[in-house]
């Protein structure tokens, strides 16, 4: 019996690492990819000591050359069969109010989390078609809701959601299943990296200077309003999707994420918008530098 090969992007930490380790432990053959060489070496060592069928490969999803090498490596490792499951998990995020984020920062997030996802999926399409495989895109409930200070990340995940919806229809005609997983808050280093990436040197006229100061002084409290869950339940869900003949189009987890989305949908904007401004301590008056009489 041929091994069921799975390729996981962004497998050096968080959800991607949990998926790679869990799937390998459950008997899948895993090609774990990422940009952190040290993390890949540690993952490979863990695989050897655990007896897992897991290989590692450096992969920057924004590099056409590295993607092409990954396609060739997957073909060779699988004995010409190709991968059966693709887990598109690679992504980056930078916190910050949109008025203070540069175009370069916004573009970088789309390059990895959206364009990289698209490029990897296209590159592995022939293998997935031949195996009648499954594409699992890791999105976020942030793609369905708007939250101050995380607007760029939400915009990217909304685009991932839309792209996945279309891929499901298009690739379904080729026998490939496409599924979207939308987690709520997860216990990973992602949030800490997003916070660290928040603009540190604000323009003196930034209308949100006091909001940044309040967030920093209060340990970014609004960011942790929803209890975070371990990435392991997400990895288990990915396994169930990979095993399913007819998986659902999308999955949201945990239950608290469902409840939050329902609350957002049912609450009138006339109430929700002021609440969000209050929770994130957005300015209640126009800063002097931005007042019309000073233009």
C-alpha atoms as a PDB file:
ATOM      1  CA  UNK A   1       0.000   0.000   0.000  1.00  0.00           C
ATOM      2  CA  UNK A   2       1.337   3.404  -0.995  1.00  0.00           C
ATOM      3  CA  UNK A   3       2.027   5.939   1.729  1.00  0.00           C
ATOM      4  CA  UNK A   4      -0.405   8.831   2.001  1.00  0.00           C
ATOM      5  CA  UNK A   5       1.832  11.852   1.586  1.00  0.00           C
ATOM      6  CA  UNK A   6       0.913  15.172   3.157  1.00  0.00           C
ATOM      7  CA  UNK A   7       2.736  18.467   2.625  1.00  0.00           C
ATOM      8  CA  UNK A   8       2.394  21.096   5.364  1.00  0.00           C
ATOM      9  CA  UNK A   9       3.562  24.678   4.855  1.00  0.00           C
ATOM     10  CA  UNK A  10       4.592  26.775   7.844  1.00  0.00           C
ATOM     11  CA  UNK A  11       5.321  23.607   9.807  1.00  0.00           C
ATOM     12  CA  UNK A  12       8.010  25.076  12.072  1.00  0.00           C
ATOM     13  CA  UNK A  13       5.644  26.378  14.749  1.00  0.00           C
ATOM     14  CA  UNK A  14       2.062  26.648  15.922  1.00  0.00           C
ATOM     15  CA  UNK A  15      -0.710  25.013  13.936  1.00  0.00           C
ATOM     16  CA  UNK A  16       1.587  23.838  11.150  1.00  0.00           C
ATOM     17  CA  UNK A  17       3.963  22.074  13.524  1.00  0.00           C
ATOM     18  CA  UNK A  18       1.066  20.470  15.393  1.00  0.00           C
ATOM     19  CA  UNK A  19      -0.395  19.216  12.113  1.00  0.00           C
ATOM     20  CA  UNK A  20       2.932  17.805  10.901  1.00  0.00           C
ATOM     21  CA  UNK A  21       3.628  15.975  14.167  1.00  0.00           C
ATOM     22  CA  UNK A  22       0.096  14.683  14.663  1.00  0.00           C
ATOM     23  CA  UNK A  23      -0.307  13.429  11.099  1.00  0.00           C
ATOM     24  CA  UNK A  24       3.094  11.727  11.212  1.00  0.00           C
ATOM     25  CA  UNK A  25       2.204  10.091  14.532  1.00  0.00           C
ATOM     26  CA  UNK A  26      -1.022   8.845  12.953  1.00  0.00           C
ATOM     27  CA  UNK A  27       0.803   7.083  10.136  1.00  0.00           C
ATOM     28  CA  UNK A  28       0.831   9.634   7.334  1.00  0.00           C
ATOM     29  CA  UNK A  29       4.002  10.334   5.419  1.00  0.00           C
ATOM     30  CA  UNK A  30       4.645  14.025   5.996  1.00  0.00           C
ATOM     31  CA  UNK A  31       6.749  16.578   4.161  1.00  0.00           C
ATOM     32  CA  UNK A  32       7.048  19.402   6.703  1.00  0.00           C
ATOM     33  CA  UNK A  33       8.188  22.707   5.224  1.00  0.00           C
ATOM     34  CA  UNK A  34       9.044  26.132   6.566  1.00  0.00           C
ATOM     35  CA  UNK A  35      11.540  28.976   6.623  1.00  0.00           C
ATOM     36  CA  UNK A  36      13.253  28.325   9.982  1.00  0.00           C
ATOM     37  CA  UNK A  37      16.212  25.925   9.477  1.00  0.00           C
ATOM     38  CA  UNK A  38      16.770  25.329  13.183  1.00  0.00           C
ATOM     39  CA  UNK A  39      13.110  24.509  13.790  1.00  0.00           C
ATOM     40  CA  UNK A  40      13.159  22.122  10.829  1.00  0.00           C
ATOM     41  CA  UNK A  41      16.229  20.354  12.230  1.00  0.00           C
ATOM     42  CA  UNK A  42      14.535  19.963  15.615  1.00  0.00           C
ATOM     43  CA  UNK A  43      11.405  18.607  13.947  1.00  0.00           C
ATOM     44  CA  UNK A  44      13.457  16.114  11.927  1.00  0.00           C
ATOM     45  CA  UNK A  45      15.215  14.934  15.090  1.00  0.00           C
ATOM     46  CA  UNK A  46      11.911  14.470  16.863  1.00  0.00           C
ATOM     47  CA  UNK A  47      10.634  12.468  13.900  1.00  0.00           C
ATOM     48  CA  UNK A  48      13.700  10.193  13.962  1.00  0.00           C
ATOM     49  CA  UNK A  49      13.403   9.549  17.700  1.00  0.00           C
ATOM     50  CA  UNK A  50       9.666   8.860  17.365  1.00  0.00           C
ATOM     51  CA  UNK A  51       9.952   6.618  14.319  1.00  0.00           C
ATOM     52  CA  UNK A  52       7.744   8.855  12.192  1.00  0.00           C
ATOM     53  CA  UNK A  53       7.783   8.946   8.410  1.00  0.00           C
ATOM     54  CA  UNK A  54       8.466  12.670   8.255  1.00  0.00           C
ATOM     55  CA  UNK A  55      10.816  14.617   6.012  1.00  0.00           C
ATOM     56  CA  UNK A  56      11.644  18.308   6.290  1.00  0.00           C
ATOM     57  CA  UNK A  57      12.346  20.861   3.579  1.00  0.00           C
ATOM     58  CA  UNK A  58      13.077  24.578   3.591  1.00  0.00           C
ATOM     59  CA  UNK A  59      10.305  26.424   1.782  1.00  0.00           C
ATOM     60  CA  UNK A  60       9.516  30.101   1.425  1.00  0.00           C
ATOM     61  CA  UNK A  61       6.080  30.135  -0.213  1.00  0.00           C
ATOM     62  CA  UNK A  62       6.878  33.451  -1.909  1.00  0.00           C
ATOM     63  CA  UNK A  63       9.819  31.906  -3.816  1.00  0.00           C
ATOM     64  CA  UNK A  64       8.950  30.244  -7.164  1.00  0.00           C
ATOM     65  CA  UNK A  65      12.307  28.472  -7.147  1.00  0.00           C
ATOM     66  CA  UNK A  66      11.787  26.948  -3.702  1.00  0.00           C
ATOM     67  CA  UNK A  67       8.236  25.940  -4.577  1.00  0.00           C
ATOM     68  CA  UNK A  68       9.512  24.158  -7.688  1.00  0.00           C
ATOM     69  CA  UNK A  69      12.095  22.309  -5.553  1.00  0.00           C
ATOM     70  CA  UNK A  70       9.356  21.274  -3.128  1.00  0.00           C
ATOM     71  CA  UNK A  71       7.262  19.865  -5.981  1.00  0.00           C
ATOM     72  CA  UNK A  72      10.226  17.836  -7.231  1.00  0.00           C
ATOM     73  CA  UNK A  73      11.097  16.656  -3.710  1.00  0.00           C
ATOM     74  CA  UNK A  74       7.531  15.512  -3.056  1.00  0.00           C
ATOM     75  CA  UNK A  75       7.476  13.623  -6.345  1.00  0.00           C
ATOM     76  CA  UNK A  76      10.757  11.872  -5.546  1.00  0.00           C
ATOM     77  CA  UNK A  77       9.982  11.070  -1.908  1.00  0.00           C
ATOM     78  CA  UNK A  78       6.599   9.609  -2.793  1.00  0.00           C
ATOM     79  CA  UNK A  79       8.075   7.369  -5.492  1.00  0.00           C
ATOM     80  CA  UNK A  80       6.390   9.347  -8.235  1.00  0.00           C
ATOM     81  CA  UNK A  81       2.910   9.237  -6.720  1.00  0.00           C
ATOM     82  CA  UNK A  82       2.847  12.796  -5.406  1.00  0.00           C
ATOM     83  CA  UNK A  83       1.130  14.229  -2.367  1.00  0.00           C
ATOM     84  CA  UNK A  84      -2.449  13.407  -1.459  1.00  0.00           C
ATOM     85  CA  UNK A  85      -3.070  16.224   1.028  1.00  0.00           C
ATOM     86  CA  UNK A  86      -1.837  19.818   0.986  1.00  0.00           C
ATOM     87  CA  UNK A  87      -2.138  21.825   4.204  1.00  0.00           C
ATOM     88  CA  UNK A  88      -1.705  25.519   3.401  1.00  0.00           C
ATOM     89  CA  UNK A  89      -0.812  26.946   6.795  1.00  0.00           C
ATOM     90  CA  UNK A  90       2.055  29.392   6.134  1.00  0.00           C
ATOM     91  CA  UNK A  91       1.177  32.933   7.072  1.00  0.00           C
ATOM     92  CA  UNK A  92       2.337  36.078   8.803  1.00  0.00           C
ATOM     93  CA  UNK A  93       0.536  38.853  10.607  1.00  0.00           C
ATOM     94  CA  UNK A  94       1.321  42.319  11.848  1.00  0.00           C
ATOM     95  CA  UNK A  95      -0.832  44.106  14.347  1.00  0.00           C
ATOM     96  CA  UNK A  96      -1.472  47.810  14.067  1.00  0.00           C
ATOM     97  CA  UNK A  97      -4.156  50.306  13.203  1.00  0.00           C
ATOM     98  CA  UNK A  98      -4.538  50.489   9.448  1.00  0.00           C
ATOM     99  CA  UNK A  99      -3.855  54.226   9.282  1.00  0.00           C
ATOM    100  CA  UNK A 100      -0.341  53.541  10.587  1.00  0.00           C
ATOM    101  CA  UNK A 101       0.550  50.416   8.563  1.00  0.00           C
ATOM    102  CA  UNK A 102       2.641  50.962   5.476  1.00  0.00           C
ATOM    103  CA  UNK A 103       1.702  49.618   2.064  1.00  0.00           C
ATOM    104  CA  UNK A 104       4.817  47.431   2.235  1.00  0.00           C
ATOM    105  CA  UNK A 105       3.651  45.812   5.473  1.00  0.00           C
ATOM    106  CA  UNK A 106       0.180  45.137   4.116  1.00  0.00           C
ATOM    107  CA  UNK A 107       1.601  43.781   0.867  1.00  0.00           C
ATOM    108  CA  UNK A 108       3.986  41.438   2.721  1.00  0.00           C
ATOM    109  CA  UNK A 109       1.110  39.836   4.607  1.00  0.00           C
ATOM    110  CA  UNK A 110      -0.795  39.199   1.378  1.00  0.00           C
ATOM    111  CA  UNK A 111       2.358  37.883  -0.324  1.00  0.00           C
ATOM    112  CA  UNK A 112       2.803  35.065   2.202  1.00  0.00           C
ATOM    113  CA  UNK A 113      -0.703  34.265   3.377  1.00  0.00           C
ATOM    114  CA  UNK A 114      -2.632  34.641   0.106  1.00  0.00           C
ATOM    115  CA  UNK A 115      -0.337  34.706  -2.915  1.00  0.00           C
ATOM    116  CA  UNK A 116       1.918  32.055  -1.389  1.00  0.00           C
ATOM    117  CA  UNK A 117      -1.084  29.821  -0.720  1.00  0.00           C
ATOM    118  CA  UNK A 118      -2.218  30.252  -4.309  1.00  0.00           C
ATOM    119  CA  UNK A 119       1.241  29.606  -5.752  1.00  0.00           C
ATOM    120  CA  UNK A 120       1.777  26.409  -3.756  1.00  0.00           C
ATOM    121  CA  UNK A 121      -1.675  25.088  -4.635  1.00  0.00           C
ATOM    122  CA  UNK A 122      -1.111  25.721  -8.350  1.00  0.00           C
ATOM    123  CA  UNK A 123       2.296  24.075  -8.257  1.00  0.00           C
ATOM    124  CA  UNK A 124       0.968  20.870  -6.645  1.00  0.00           C
ATOM    125  CA  UNK A 125      -2.257  20.699  -8.624  1.00  0.00           C
ATOM    126  CA  UNK A 126      -1.111  17.927 -10.975  1.00  0.00           C
ATOM    127  CA  UNK A 127      -0.118  15.712  -8.037  1.00  0.00           C
ATOM    128  CA  UNK A 128      -3.366  16.421  -6.201  1.00  0.00           C
ATOM    129  CA  UNK A 129      -5.468  15.663  -9.273  1.00  0.00           C
ATOM    130  CA  UNK A 130      -3.669  12.380  -9.864  1.00  0.00           C
ATOM    131  CA  UNK A 131      -4.327  11.318  -6.249  1.00  0.00           C
ATOM    132  CA  UNK A 132      -7.841  12.861  -6.109  1.00  0.00           C
ATOM    133  CA  UNK A 133      -6.466  14.689  -3.126  1.00  0.00           C
ATOM    134  CA  UNK A 134      -7.478  17.329  -0.621  1.00  0.00           C
ATOM    135  CA  UNK A 135      -6.399  20.929  -0.078  1.00  0.00           C
ATOM    136  CA  UNK A 136      -6.862  22.214   3.474  1.00  0.00           C
ATOM    137  CA  UNK A 137      -6.467  25.977   3.854  1.00  0.00           C
ATOM    138  CA  UNK A 138      -5.965  27.323   7.371  1.00  0.00           C
ATOM    139  CA  UNK A 139      -7.944  30.536   7.641  1.00  0.00           C
ATOM    140  CA  UNK A 140      -9.288  32.309  10.709  1.00  0.00           C
ATOM    141  CA  UNK A 141     -12.560  33.566  12.106  1.00  0.00           C
ATOM    142  CA  UNK A 142     -10.921  36.976  11.636  1.00  0.00           C
ATOM    143  CA  UNK A 143     -11.803  36.551   7.968  1.00  0.00           C
ATOM    144  CA  UNK A 144     -15.472  36.842   8.948  1.00  0.00           C
ATOM    145  CA  UNK A 145     -15.293  39.707  11.440  1.00  0.00           C
ATOM    146  CA  UNK A 146     -13.620  43.086  11.793  1.00  0.00           C
ATOM    147  CA  UNK A 147     -11.442  43.893  14.776  1.00  0.00           C
ATOM    148  CA  UNK A 148      -9.496  47.127  15.298  1.00  0.00           C
ATOM    149  CA  UNK A 149      -5.728  46.800  15.319  1.00  0.00           C
ATOM    150  CA  UNK A 150      -5.903  43.502  13.401  1.00  0.00           C
ATOM    151  CA  UNK A 151      -7.469  44.839  10.231  1.00  0.00           C
ATOM    152  CA  UNK A 152      -4.659  43.762   7.897  1.00  0.00           C
ATOM    153  CA  UNK A 153      -4.725  40.192   9.184  1.00  0.00           C
ATOM    154  CA  UNK A 154      -8.510  40.113   8.883  1.00  0.00           C
ATOM    155  CA  UNK A 155      -8.360  41.394   5.313  1.00  0.00           C
ATOM    156  CA  UNK A 156      -5.882  38.669   4.362  1.00  0.00           C
ATOM    157  CA  UNK A 157      -7.981  35.919   5.944  1.00  0.00           C
ATOM    158  CA  UNK A 158     -11.137  37.261   4.277  1.00  0.00           C
ATOM    159  CA  UNK A 159      -9.298  36.972   0.967  1.00  0.00           C
ATOM    160  CA  UNK A 160      -8.186  33.429   1.850  1.00  0.00           C
ATOM    161  CA  UNK A 161     -11.791  32.553   2.589  1.00  0.00           C
ATOM    162  CA  UNK A 162     -12.993  33.918  -0.749  1.00  0.00           C
ATOM    163  CA  UNK A 163     -10.176  32.240  -2.662  1.00  0.00           C
ATOM    164  CA  UNK A 164     -10.926  28.920  -0.967  1.00  0.00           C
ATOM    165  CA  UNK A 165     -14.621  29.148  -1.833  1.00  0.00           C
ATOM    166  CA  UNK A 166     -13.788  29.530  -5.517  1.00  0.00           C
ATOM    167  CA  UNK A 167     -11.070  26.875  -5.486  1.00  0.00           C
ATOM    168  CA  UNK A 168     -13.554  24.437  -3.980  1.00  0.00           C
ATOM    169  CA  UNK A 169     -15.868  24.877  -6.956  1.00  0.00           C
ATOM    170  CA  UNK A 170     -13.166  24.941  -9.617  1.00  0.00           C
ATOM    171  CA  UNK A 171     -10.937  22.137  -8.351  1.00  0.00           C
ATOM    172  CA  UNK A 172     -13.924  20.037  -7.359  1.00  0.00           C
ATOM    173  CA  UNK A 173     -14.532  19.513 -11.053  1.00  0.00           C
ATOM    174  CA  UNK A 174     -11.066  17.888 -11.174  1.00  0.00           C
ATOM    175  CA  UNK A 175     -11.752  15.591  -8.245  1.00  0.00           C
ATOM    176  CA  UNK A 176      -9.838  17.651  -5.672  1.00  0.00           C
ATOM    177  CA  UNK A 177     -11.549  18.555  -2.392  1.00  0.00           C
ATOM    178  CA  UNK A 178     -10.852  22.040  -0.987  1.00  0.00           C
ATOM    179  CA  UNK A 179     -11.663  22.761   2.652  1.00  0.00           C
ATOM    180  CA  UNK A 180     -11.355  25.865   4.821  1.00  0.00           C
ATOM    181  CA  UNK A 181     -10.517  25.615   8.530  1.00  0.00           C
ATOM    182  CA  UNK A 182     -11.276  28.776  10.524  1.00  0.00           C
ATOM    183  CA  UNK A 183      -9.906  28.622  14.080  1.00  0.00           C
ATOM    184  CA  UNK A 184     -10.513  31.145  16.796  1.00  0.00           C
ATOM    185  CA  UNK A 185      -7.707  32.146  19.163  1.00  0.00           C
ATOM    186  CA  UNK A 186      -4.944  29.523  19.291  1.00  0.00           C
ATOM    187  CA  UNK A 187      -2.100  29.098  21.778  1.00  0.00           C
ATOM    188  CA  UNK A 188       0.806  29.776  19.439  1.00  0.00           C
ATOM    189  CA  UNK A 189       3.651  32.283  19.165  1.00  0.00           C
ATOM    190  CA  UNK A 190       1.790  33.913  16.270  1.00  0.00           C
ATOM    191  CA  UNK A 191       0.039  36.454  18.489  1.00  0.00           C
ATOM    192  CA  UNK A 192       3.291  37.450  20.165  1.00  0.00           C
ATOM    193  CA  UNK A 193       4.969  37.919  16.781  1.00  0.00           C
ATOM    194  CA  UNK A 194       2.022  40.000  15.553  1.00  0.00           C
ATOM    195  CA  UNK A 195       2.246  42.194  18.635  1.00  0.00           C
ATOM    196  CA  UNK A 196       6.018  42.534  18.251  1.00  0.00           C
ATOM    197  CA  UNK A 197       5.450  43.573  14.641  1.00  0.00           C
ATOM    198  CA  UNK A 198       3.097  46.375  15.633  1.00  0.00           C
ATOM    199  CA  UNK A 199       4.513  49.730  14.507  1.00  0.00           C
ATOM    200  CA  UNK A 200       7.044  50.841  17.102  1.00  0.00           C
ATOM    201  CA  UNK A 201       7.827  54.288  15.731  1.00  0.00           C
ATOM    202  CA  UNK A 202       4.581  56.087  15.030  1.00  0.00           C
ATOM    203  CA  UNK A 203       4.355  59.286  13.025  1.00  0.00           C
ATOM    204  CA  UNK A 204       3.929  62.179  15.444  1.00  0.00           C
ATOM    205  CA  UNK A 205       0.497  62.933  13.953  1.00  0.00           C
ATOM    206  CA  UNK A 206      -0.842  59.388  14.468  1.00  0.00           C
ATOM    207  CA  UNK A 207      -4.413  59.647  15.770  1.00  0.00           C
ATOM    208  CA  UNK A 208      -3.946  56.338  17.600  1.00  0.00           C
ATOM    209  CA  UNK A 209      -0.841  57.106  19.660  1.00  0.00           C
ATOM    210  CA  UNK A 210      -2.741  56.956  22.960  1.00  0.00           C
ATOM    211  CA  UNK A 211      -4.469  53.742  21.898  1.00  0.00           C
ATOM    212  CA  UNK A 212      -1.096  52.047  21.316  1.00  0.00           C
ATOM    213  CA  UNK A 213       0.125  53.288  24.682  1.00  0.00           C
ATOM    214  CA  UNK A 214      -2.970  51.951  26.463  1.00  0.00           C
ATOM    215  CA  UNK A 215      -2.696  48.543  24.756  1.00  0.00           C
ATOM    216  CA  UNK A 216       0.968  48.206  25.687  1.00  0.00           C
ATOM    217  CA  UNK A 217       0.357  49.322  29.269  1.00  0.00           C
ATOM    218  CA  UNK A 218      -2.484  46.820  29.662  1.00  0.00           C
ATOM    219  CA  UNK A 219      -0.677  43.827  28.147  1.00  0.00           C
ATOM    220  CA  UNK A 220      -2.803  43.970  24.979  1.00  0.00           C
ATOM    221  CA  UNK A 221      -5.837  42.866  26.965  1.00  0.00           C
ATOM    222  CA  UNK A 222      -8.439  43.008  24.126  1.00  0.00           C
ATOM    223  CA  UNK A 223      -6.298  40.614  22.137  1.00  0.00           C
ATOM    224  CA  UNK A 224      -6.958  37.881  24.682  1.00  0.00           C
ATOM    225  CA  UNK A 225     -10.679  38.343  25.304  1.00  0.00           C
ATOM    226  CA  UNK A 226     -11.445  34.964  23.726  1.00  0.00           C
ATOM    227  CA  UNK A 227      -9.707  32.058  25.504  1.00  0.00           C
ATOM    228  CA  UNK A 228      -7.074  30.453  23.296  1.00  0.00           C
ATOM    229  CA  UNK A 229      -7.027  26.720  22.610  1.00  0.00           C
ATOM    230  CA  UNK A 230      -4.172  24.359  21.918  1.00  0.00           C
ATOM    231  CA  UNK A 231      -3.288  23.786  18.246  1.00  0.00           C
ATOM    232  CA  UNK A 232      -3.734  20.036  18.784  1.00  0.00           C
ATOM    233  CA  UNK A 233      -7.537  20.038  18.240  1.00  0.00           C
ATOM    234  CA  UNK A 234      -6.927  21.778  14.928  1.00  0.00           C
ATOM    235  CA  UNK A 235      -4.392  19.114  13.971  1.00  0.00           C
ATOM    236  CA  UNK A 236      -6.910  16.421  14.853  1.00  0.00           C
ATOM    237  CA  UNK A 237      -9.510  18.150  12.714  1.00  0.00           C
ATOM    238  CA  UNK A 238      -7.060  18.281   9.802  1.00  0.00           C
ATOM    239  CA  UNK A 239      -6.587  14.532  10.169  1.00  0.00           C
ATOM    240  CA  UNK A 240     -10.357  13.955  10.053  1.00  0.00           C
ATOM    241  CA  UNK A 241     -10.637  16.089   6.932  1.00  0.00           C
ATOM    242  CA  UNK A 242      -7.769  14.213   5.288  1.00  0.00           C
ATOM    243  CA  UNK A 243      -9.498  10.907   6.045  1.00  0.00           C
ATOM    244  CA  UNK A 244     -12.983  12.015   4.992  1.00  0.00           C
ATOM    245  CA  UNK A 245     -14.359  11.133   1.572  1.00  0.00           C
ATOM    246  CA  UNK A 246     -16.801  14.032   1.727  1.00  0.00           C
ATOM    247  CA  UNK A 247     -15.561  16.672   4.157  1.00  0.00           C
ATOM    248  CA  UNK A 248     -17.582  19.806   4.791  1.00  0.00           C
ATOM    249  CA  UNK A 249     -16.677  22.961   2.919  1.00  0.00           C
ATOM    250  CA  UNK A 250     -15.585  24.785   6.079  1.00  0.00           C
ATOM    251  CA  UNK A 251     -15.007  24.152   9.762  1.00  0.00           C
ATOM    252  CA  UNK A 252     -14.991  26.657  12.641  1.00  0.00           C
ATOM    253  CA  UNK A 253     -13.544  25.740  16.030  1.00  0.00           C
ATOM    254  CA  UNK A 254     -13.708  25.821  18.998  1.00  0.00           C
ATOM    255  CA  UNK A 255     -17.321  26.361  20.106  1.00  0.00           C
ATOM    256  CA  UNK A 256     -16.440  29.782  21.536  1.00  0.00           C
ATOM    257  CA  UNK A 257     -15.506  30.901  18.022  1.00  0.00           C
ATOM    258  CA  UNK A 258     -18.972  29.921  16.769  1.00  0.00           C
ATOM    259  CA  UNK A 259     -20.536  31.885  19.618  1.00  0.00           C
ATOM    260  CA  UNK A 260     -18.422  34.960  18.891  1.00  0.00           C
ATOM    261  CA  UNK A 261     -19.314  34.930  15.193  1.00  0.00           C
ATOM    262  CA  UNK A 262     -22.995  34.591  16.074  1.00  0.00           C
ATOM    263  CA  UNK A 263     -22.740  37.518  18.476  1.00  0.00           C
ATOM    264  CA  UNK A 264     -21.070  39.653  15.805  1.00  0.00           C
ATOM    265  CA  UNK A 265     -23.735  38.746  13.270  1.00  0.00           C
ATOM    266  CA  UNK A 266     -26.717  39.401  15.529  1.00  0.00           C
ATOM    267  CA  UNK A 267     -25.534  42.620  17.189  1.00  0.00           C
ATOM    268  CA  UNK A 268     -26.469  45.782  15.254  1.00  0.00           C
ATOM    269  CA  UNK A 269     -23.532  47.764  13.947  1.00  0.00           C
ATOM    270  CA  UNK A 270     -24.858  50.804  15.782  1.00  0.00           C
ATOM    271  CA  UNK A 271     -24.011  48.954  19.001  1.00  0.00           C
ATOM    272  CA  UNK A 272     -21.034  46.837  17.938  1.00  0.00           C
ATOM    273  CA  UNK A 273     -18.944  49.594  16.361  1.00  0.00           C
ATOM    274  CA  UNK A 274     -18.944  51.836  19.467  1.00  0.00           C
ATOM    275  CA  UNK A 275     -18.226  48.772  21.623  1.00  0.00           C
ATOM    276  CA  UNK A 276     -15.158  47.902  19.546  1.00  0.00           C
ATOM    277  CA  UNK A 277     -13.924  51.490  19.786  1.00  0.00           C
ATOM    278  CA  UNK A 278     -14.327  51.407  23.548  1.00  0.00           C
ATOM    279  CA  UNK A 279     -12.635  48.026  24.009  1.00  0.00           C
ATOM    280  CA  UNK A 280      -9.589  49.147  22.015  1.00  0.00           C
ATOM    281  CA  UNK A 281      -9.572  52.660  23.501  1.00  0.00           C
ATOM    282  CA  UNK A 282      -9.845  54.385  20.147  1.00  0.00           C
ATOM    283  CA  UNK A 283      -9.786  58.199  20.251  1.00  0.00           C
ATOM    284  CA  UNK A 284     -13.076  59.890  21.043  1.00  0.00           C
ATOM    285  CA  UNK A 285     -12.016  63.273  19.694  1.00  0.00           C
ATOM    286  CA  UNK A 286     -10.132  64.233  16.545  1.00  0.00           C
ATOM    287  CA  UNK A 287      -6.471  64.979  17.329  1.00  0.00           C
ATOM    288  CA  UNK A 288      -5.508  68.607  16.810  1.00  0.00           C
ATOM    289  CA  UNK A 289      -3.174  67.736  13.928  1.00  0.00           C
ATOM    290  CA  UNK A 290      -6.087  66.261  11.966  1.00  0.00           C
ATOM    291  CA  UNK A 291      -8.768  68.847  12.691  1.00  0.00           C
ATOM    292  CA  UNK A 292     -10.242  70.448   9.572  1.00  0.00           C
ATOM    293  CA  UNK A 293      -9.454  73.954  10.823  1.00  0.00           C
ATOM    294  CA  UNK A 294      -5.726  73.094  10.779  1.00  0.00           C
ATOM    295  CA  UNK A 295      -5.602  71.854   7.194  1.00  0.00           C
END
